Amino acid sequence: MHMSGESLLVILLVGLVAGWLAGQIVQGTGFGIVGDLLIGIVGAFIGSWLLPQLGIHLGTGIISAIINATIGAILLLVVVRLVRGGGRWRRSWWRP
């Protein structure tokens, strides 16, 4: 797979925005702003790989790229949260 410098830059910038959005959606991750932004960058790569594998195509453009990356970042945050033991999120589900 060949990726140009411009497309890598767009994925990274979109990942930064997606990490912030995912941090707002998935409350209580405990990573802080820098950690959520790094999660967003990794989530951008996950979303750009996983969603087309599942047959989900959101279209083209910057908005669809942000949505795609946000979905990947949310999935990554949920997996990281499950691996870390849940933190505040787990207790909120078990205690009403």
Protein backbone atom coordinates (compact mmCIF):
# COMPACT_ATOMS: atom_id res chain seq x y z
CA MET A 1 0.00 0.00 0.00
CA HIS A 2 1.48 3.33 -1.07
CA MET A 3 0.50 6.43 0.87
CA SER A 4 1.50 9.91 -0.21
CA GLY A 5 2.76 12.50 2.23
CA GLU A 6 -0.39 14.56 1.83
CA SER A 7 -2.70 11.68 2.64
CA LEU A 8 -0.63 10.80 5.70
CA LEU A 9 -0.83 14.40 6.87
CA VAL A 10 -4.61 14.45 6.36
CA ILE A 11 -4.98 11.19 8.33
CA LEU A 12 -2.92 12.62 11.18
CA LEU A 13 -4.84 15.91 11.30
CA VAL A 14 -8.17 14.16 11.06
CA GLY A 15 -6.98 11.81 13.80
CA LEU A 16 -6.26 14.75 16.07
CA VAL A 17 -9.81 16.05 15.64
CA ALA A 18 -11.24 12.54 15.98
CA GLY A 19 -9.31 11.93 19.19
CA TRP A 20 -10.79 15.02 20.74
CA LEU A 21 -14.29 14.01 19.64
CA ALA A 22 -13.83 10.44 20.88
CA GLY A 23 -12.59 11.77 24.21
CA GLN A 24 -15.77 13.82 24.50
CA ILE A 25 -18.01 10.89 23.54
CA VAL A 26 -16.28 8.23 25.67
CA GLN A 27 -16.14 9.96 29.04
CA GLY A 28 -13.78 8.87 31.80
CA THR A 29 -10.91 7.47 29.76
CA GLY A 30 -8.33 9.16 31.99
CA PHE A 31 -5.77 9.76 29.23
CA GLY A 32 -5.92 13.54 29.14
CA ILE A 33 -5.93 15.69 26.05
CA VAL A 34 -2.57 14.51 24.70
CA GLY A 35 -3.44 10.84 25.22
CA ASP A 36 -6.83 11.26 23.56
CA LEU A 37 -5.20 12.98 20.61
CA LEU A 38 -2.73 10.11 20.21
CA ILE A 39 -5.63 7.66 20.49
CA GLY A 40 -7.34 9.63 17.72
CA ILE A 41 -4.35 9.32 15.42
CA VAL A 42 -4.19 5.56 15.95
CA GLY A 43 -7.98 5.43 15.64
CA ALA A 44 -7.76 7.18 12.29
CA PHE A 45 -5.61 4.35 11.00
CA ILE A 46 -7.94 1.77 12.54
CA GLY A 47 -11.04 3.42 11.08
CA SER A 48 -9.51 3.83 7.63
CA TRP A 49 -8.63 0.13 7.61
CA LEU A 50 -11.51 -1.53 9.51
CA LEU A 51 -14.61 0.15 8.09
CA PRO A 52 -13.85 -0.65 4.42
CA GLN A 53 -13.06 -4.24 5.50
CA LEU A 54 -16.58 -4.41 6.95
CA GLY A 55 -18.07 -2.97 3.76
CA ILE A 56 -18.91 0.39 5.35
CA HIS A 57 -18.14 3.32 3.07
CA LEU A 58 -19.04 6.76 4.36
CA GLY A 59 -18.13 8.59 1.17
CA THR A 60 -15.36 11.03 0.46
CA GLY A 61 -14.37 14.33 1.94
CA ILE A 62 -13.06 15.67 5.17
CA ILE A 63 -16.29 15.22 7.15
CA SER A 64 -16.54 11.53 6.28
CA ALA A 65 -12.85 11.12 7.15
CA ILE A 66 -13.45 12.70 10.57
CA ILE A 67 -16.45 10.43 11.18
CA ASN A 68 -14.44 7.40 10.04
CA ALA A 69 -11.53 8.27 12.33
CA THR A 70 -13.84 9.06 15.25
CA ILE A 71 -15.43 5.62 14.96
CA GLY A 72 -11.97 4.04 14.97
CA ALA A 73 -10.90 6.12 17.97
CA ILE A 74 -14.06 5.24 19.90
CA LEU A 75 -13.48 1.55 19.24
CA LEU A 76 -9.88 1.88 20.39
CA LEU A 77 -10.85 3.76 23.55
CA VAL A 78 -13.46 1.13 24.42
CA VAL A 79 -10.94 -1.69 23.89
CA VAL A 80 -8.27 0.11 25.93
CA ARG A 81 -10.79 0.77 28.67
CA LEU A 82 -11.80 -2.91 28.78
CA VAL A 83 -8.15 -4.00 28.93
CA ARG A 84 -7.32 -1.50 31.68
CA GLY A 85 -10.11 -2.83 33.85
CA GLY A 86 -12.83 -0.33 33.11
CA GLY A 87 -12.01 2.46 35.53
CA ARG A 88 -14.94 4.78 36.26
CA TRP A 89 -16.88 3.45 33.28
CA ARG A 90 -17.11 -0.05 34.71
CA ARG A 91 -18.28 1.10 38.13
CA SER A 92 -20.97 3.30 36.60
CA TRP A 93 -22.46 0.28 34.80
CA TRP A 94 -22.58 -1.90 37.91
CA ARG A 95 -23.80 0.77 40.33
CA PRO A 96 -26.95 2.64 39.29
